[in-house]
Amino acid sequence: MMASWYGREQDHHLTACGARFDMYAFTAAHRTLPLGTILEVRNPANDKSVRVTIIDRGPYAHGRDLDLSYAAARDLEIITQGVARVYVSEVGHDSRYDHYWKGGVQPKVTDDTPPAAPKDRPSIASTSAPSRDSVVR
């Protein structure tokens, strides 16, 4: 997984969970992991690791999978290089974020692939586009 970091420019801005971002807290952003997921992040270059809680969405830069807070990136020693390969494992969740789970059920997280469409609704791939004649003008 490729990780980058964000800090001063986002400090005190609202995150996806509604909290203000604190660049000195051990937090991170991920596009799909449930808010409140706690990750162990390890830098294989120096074997340093930190635990972070997912509180935001992102990163949106191509080729990046995880945005770490300044504090987490500092402890992993990736500030200077900006982007680094890291190893990540899910170690738990923070129940303060449970209300963000749909229906109060913790989603299963296995990888970054999107979940399958529910069986009672067709997936986007299986629906056909309306014909030119059926479009209301």
C-alpha atoms as a PDB file:
ATOM      1  CA  MET A   1       0.000   0.000   0.000  1.00  0.00           C
ATOM      2  CA  MET A   2       1.306   3.471  -0.828  1.00  0.00           C
ATOM      3  CA  ALA A   3       0.979   6.083   1.904  1.00  0.00           C
ATOM      4  CA  SER A   4       1.357   9.831   1.854  1.00  0.00           C
ATOM      5  CA  TRP A   5       0.712  12.349   4.608  1.00  0.00           C
ATOM      6  CA  TYR A   6      -1.115  15.570   5.233  1.00  0.00           C
ATOM      7  CA  GLY A   7      -0.602  18.152   7.918  1.00  0.00           C
ATOM      8  CA  ARG A   8      -0.620  21.913   8.361  1.00  0.00           C
ATOM      9  CA  GLU A   9      -2.723  22.783   5.282  1.00  0.00           C
ATOM     10  CA  GLN A  10      -5.578  20.587   6.584  1.00  0.00           C
ATOM     11  CA  ASP A  11      -5.084  21.145  10.320  1.00  0.00           C
ATOM     12  CA  HIS A  12      -8.403  21.982  12.031  1.00  0.00           C
ATOM     13  CA  HIS A  13     -10.477  21.349   8.877  1.00  0.00           C
ATOM     14  CA  LEU A  14     -13.510  19.100   9.229  1.00  0.00           C
ATOM     15  CA  THR A  15     -12.981  15.417   8.401  1.00  0.00           C
ATOM     16  CA  ALA A  16     -15.471  12.891   7.020  1.00  0.00           C
ATOM     17  CA  CYS A  17     -16.409  11.845  10.555  1.00  0.00           C
ATOM     18  CA  GLY A  18     -17.214  15.450  11.530  1.00  0.00           C
ATOM     19  CA  ALA A  19     -14.219  15.914  13.830  1.00  0.00           C
ATOM     20  CA  ARG A  20     -11.591  18.577  13.248  1.00  0.00           C
ATOM     21  CA  PHE A  21      -8.357  17.205  11.803  1.00  0.00           C
ATOM     22  CA  ASP A  22      -5.440  17.327  14.237  1.00  0.00           C
ATOM     23  CA  MET A  23      -2.098  16.857  12.507  1.00  0.00           C
ATOM     24  CA  TYR A  24      -0.578  15.679  15.808  1.00  0.00           C
ATOM     25  CA  ALA A  25      -3.122  12.873  16.350  1.00  0.00           C
ATOM     26  CA  PHE A  26      -2.526   9.361  15.005  1.00  0.00           C
ATOM     27  CA  THR A  27      -5.203   9.319  12.327  1.00  0.00           C
ATOM     28  CA  ALA A  28      -5.484   8.566   8.622  1.00  0.00           C
ATOM     29  CA  ALA A  29      -7.712   8.842   5.585  1.00  0.00           C
ATOM     30  CA  HIS A  30      -8.747   5.963   3.335  1.00  0.00           C
ATOM     31  CA  ARG A  31     -11.257   5.881   0.478  1.00  0.00           C
ATOM     32  CA  THR A  32     -13.211   2.765   1.505  1.00  0.00           C
ATOM     33  CA  LEU A  33     -12.288   1.466   4.970  1.00  0.00           C
ATOM     34  CA  PRO A  34     -15.027   2.092   7.532  1.00  0.00           C
ATOM     35  CA  LEU A  35     -14.533   5.169   9.676  1.00  0.00           C
ATOM     36  CA  GLY A  36     -13.168   4.086  13.042  1.00  0.00           C
ATOM     37  CA  THR A  37     -11.041   1.251  11.635  1.00  0.00           C
ATOM     38  CA  ILE A  38      -7.776   1.003  13.556  1.00  0.00           C
ATOM     39  CA  LEU A  39      -4.756   0.054  11.466  1.00  0.00           C
ATOM     40  CA  GLU A  40      -1.233  -0.966  12.301  1.00  0.00           C
ATOM     41  CA  VAL A  41       0.958   0.720   9.675  1.00  0.00           C
ATOM     42  CA  ARG A  42       4.564  -0.436   9.261  1.00  0.00           C
ATOM     43  CA  ASN A  43       7.331   1.128   7.224  1.00  0.00           C
ATOM     44  CA  PRO A  44       9.358  -1.824   5.861  1.00  0.00           C
ATOM     45  CA  ALA A  45      12.345   0.446   5.168  1.00  0.00           C
ATOM     46  CA  ASN A  46      13.019   0.947   8.893  1.00  0.00           C
ATOM     47  CA  ASP A  47      10.558  -1.466  10.581  1.00  0.00           C
ATOM     48  CA  LYS A  48       8.885   1.373  12.513  1.00  0.00           C
ATOM     49  CA  SER A  49       5.131   1.087  13.076  1.00  0.00           C
ATOM     50  CA  VAL A  50       2.228   3.169  14.361  1.00  0.00           C
ATOM     51  CA  ARG A  51      -1.461   2.652  14.998  1.00  0.00           C
ATOM     52  CA  VAL A  52      -3.868   5.041  13.333  1.00  0.00           C
ATOM     53  CA  THR A  53      -7.643   5.426  13.253  1.00  0.00           C
ATOM     54  CA  ILE A  54      -9.434   6.090   9.957  1.00  0.00           C
ATOM     55  CA  ILE A  55     -11.382   9.336  10.409  1.00  0.00           C
ATOM     56  CA  ASP A  56     -11.390  10.791   6.910  1.00  0.00           C
ATOM     57  CA  ARG A  57     -11.747   9.963   3.207  1.00  0.00           C
ATOM     58  CA  GLY A  58      -8.917  10.142   0.703  1.00  0.00           C
ATOM     59  CA  PRO A  59      -6.279  10.279  -0.593  1.00  0.00           C
ATOM     60  CA  TYR A  60      -7.409  11.356  -4.004  1.00  0.00           C
ATOM     61  CA  ALA A  61      -3.974  11.537  -5.641  1.00  0.00           C
ATOM     62  CA  HIS A  62      -3.258   8.779  -8.165  1.00  0.00           C
ATOM     63  CA  GLY A  63      -1.200   5.892  -6.806  1.00  0.00           C
ATOM     64  CA  ARG A  64      -1.823   6.637  -3.132  1.00  0.00           C
ATOM     65  CA  ASP A  65      -3.926   4.446  -0.861  1.00  0.00           C
ATOM     66  CA  LEU A  66      -3.581   5.953   2.612  1.00  0.00           C
ATOM     67  CA  ASP A  67      -3.119   9.520   3.871  1.00  0.00           C
ATOM     68  CA  LEU A  68      -1.440   9.602   7.271  1.00  0.00           C
ATOM     69  CA  SER A  69      -1.489  12.463   9.725  1.00  0.00           C
ATOM     70  CA  TYR A  70       1.759  14.373  10.181  1.00  0.00           C
ATOM     71  CA  ALA A  71       2.371  12.658  13.557  1.00  0.00           C
ATOM     72  CA  ALA A  72       2.018   9.164  12.075  1.00  0.00           C
ATOM     73  CA  ALA A  73       4.219  10.013   9.078  1.00  0.00           C
ATOM     74  CA  ARG A  74       6.814  11.589  11.381  1.00  0.00           C
ATOM     75  CA  ASP A  75       7.023   8.471  13.550  1.00  0.00           C
ATOM     76  CA  LEU A  76       7.282   6.270  10.449  1.00  0.00           C
ATOM     77  CA  GLU A  77      10.003   8.605   9.113  1.00  0.00           C
ATOM     78  CA  ILE A  78       8.335   9.280   5.761  1.00  0.00           C
ATOM     79  CA  ILE A  79       8.020  13.086   6.031  1.00  0.00           C
ATOM     80  CA  THR A  80      10.983  13.889   3.778  1.00  0.00           C
ATOM     81  CA  GLN A  81      10.146  11.439   1.002  1.00  0.00           C
ATOM     82  CA  GLY A  82       6.425  12.291   1.126  1.00  0.00           C
ATOM     83  CA  VAL A  83       5.193   8.941  -0.202  1.00  0.00           C
ATOM     84  CA  ALA A  84       6.282   5.477   0.918  1.00  0.00           C
ATOM     85  CA  ARG A  85       5.296   1.843   0.622  1.00  0.00           C
ATOM     86  CA  VAL A  86       3.842   0.608   3.915  1.00  0.00           C
ATOM     87  CA  TYR A  87       2.349  -2.610   5.212  1.00  0.00           C
ATOM     88  CA  VAL A  88      -1.055  -2.335   6.841  1.00  0.00           C
ATOM     89  CA  SER A  89      -3.076  -4.662   9.021  1.00  0.00           C
ATOM     90  CA  GLU A  90      -6.457  -4.065  10.596  1.00  0.00           C
ATOM     91  CA  VAL A  91      -6.226  -4.408  14.379  1.00  0.00           C
ATOM     92  CA  GLY A  92      -9.631  -3.196  15.570  1.00  0.00           C
ATOM     93  CA  HIS A  93     -12.135  -0.409  15.501  1.00  0.00           C
ATOM     94  CA  ASP A  94     -13.055   2.602  17.596  1.00  0.00           C
ATOM     95  CA  SER A  95     -16.728   2.279  18.588  1.00  0.00           C
ATOM     96  CA  ARG A  96     -17.158   6.071  18.617  1.00  0.00           C
ATOM     97  CA  TYR A  97     -17.560   5.781  14.838  1.00  0.00           C
ATOM     98  CA  ASP A  98     -20.178   2.998  14.862  1.00  0.00           C
ATOM     99  CA  HIS A  99     -22.982   5.395  13.931  1.00  0.00           C
ATOM    100  CA  TYR A 100     -21.385   5.788  10.494  1.00  0.00           C
ATOM    101  CA  TRP A 101     -22.069   2.108   9.705  1.00  0.00           C
ATOM    102  CA  LYS A 102     -25.169   1.502   7.646  1.00  0.00           C
ATOM    103  CA  GLY A 103     -27.854  -0.216   9.680  1.00  0.00           C
ATOM    104  CA  GLY A 104     -25.541  -0.282  12.713  1.00  0.00           C
ATOM    105  CA  VAL A 105     -23.704  -3.315  11.316  1.00  0.00           C
ATOM    106  CA  GLN A 106     -19.912  -3.269  11.024  1.00  0.00           C
ATOM    107  CA  PRO A 107     -18.992  -3.804   7.377  1.00  0.00           C
ATOM    108  CA  LYS A 108     -16.637  -6.642   6.511  1.00  0.00           C
ATOM    109  CA  VAL A 109     -13.376  -5.338   5.115  1.00  0.00           C
ATOM    110  CA  THR A 110     -11.237  -7.730   3.133  1.00  0.00           C
ATOM    111  CA  ASP A 111      -9.600  -5.508   0.521  1.00  0.00           C
ATOM    112  CA  ASP A 112     -10.153  -2.330  -1.502  1.00  0.00           C
ATOM    113  CA  THR A 113     -12.584  -3.870  -3.995  1.00  0.00           C
ATOM    114  CA  PRO A 114     -16.069  -2.372  -3.918  1.00  0.00           C
ATOM    115  CA  PRO A 115     -18.856  -4.515  -2.463  1.00  0.00           C
ATOM    116  CA  ALA A 116     -21.108  -6.464  -4.813  1.00  0.00           C
ATOM    117  CA  ALA A 117     -24.485  -4.995  -5.681  1.00  0.00           C
ATOM    118  CA  PRO A 118     -27.379  -6.305  -3.565  1.00  0.00           C
ATOM    119  CA  LYS A 119     -29.188  -9.253  -5.175  1.00  0.00           C
ATOM    120  CA  ASP A 120     -32.506  -7.399  -5.273  1.00  0.00           C
ATOM    121  CA  ARG A 121     -30.983  -4.574  -7.347  1.00  0.00           C
ATOM    122  CA  PRO A 122     -29.130  -5.053 -10.607  1.00  0.00           C
ATOM    123  CA  SER A 123     -25.525  -3.924 -10.692  1.00  0.00           C
ATOM    124  CA  ILE A 124     -24.567  -1.025 -12.923  1.00  0.00           C
ATOM    125  CA  ALA A 125     -22.707  -3.416 -15.203  1.00  0.00           C
ATOM    126  CA  SER A 126     -25.829  -5.525 -15.791  1.00  0.00           C
ATOM    127  CA  THR A 127     -28.191  -2.669 -16.591  1.00  0.00           C
ATOM    128  CA  SER A 128     -28.449  -1.427 -20.113  1.00  0.00           C
ATOM    129  CA  ALA A 129     -28.497   2.219 -21.055  1.00  0.00           C
ATOM    130  CA  PRO A 130     -31.835   3.597 -22.186  1.00  0.00           C
ATOM    131  CA  SER A 131     -32.348   3.595 -25.903  1.00  0.00           C
ATOM    132  CA  ARG A 132     -32.290   6.894 -27.731  1.00  0.00           C
ATOM    133  CA  ASP A 133     -36.040   6.566 -28.357  1.00  0.00           C
ATOM    134  CA  SER A 134     -36.880   6.133 -24.653  1.00  0.00           C
ATOM    135  CA  VAL A 135     -35.215   9.344 -23.469  1.00  0.00           C
ATOM    136  CA  VAL A 136     -37.728  12.012 -22.491  1.00  0.00           C
ATOM    137  CA  ARG A 137     -36.970  15.362 -24.072  1.00  0.00           C
END
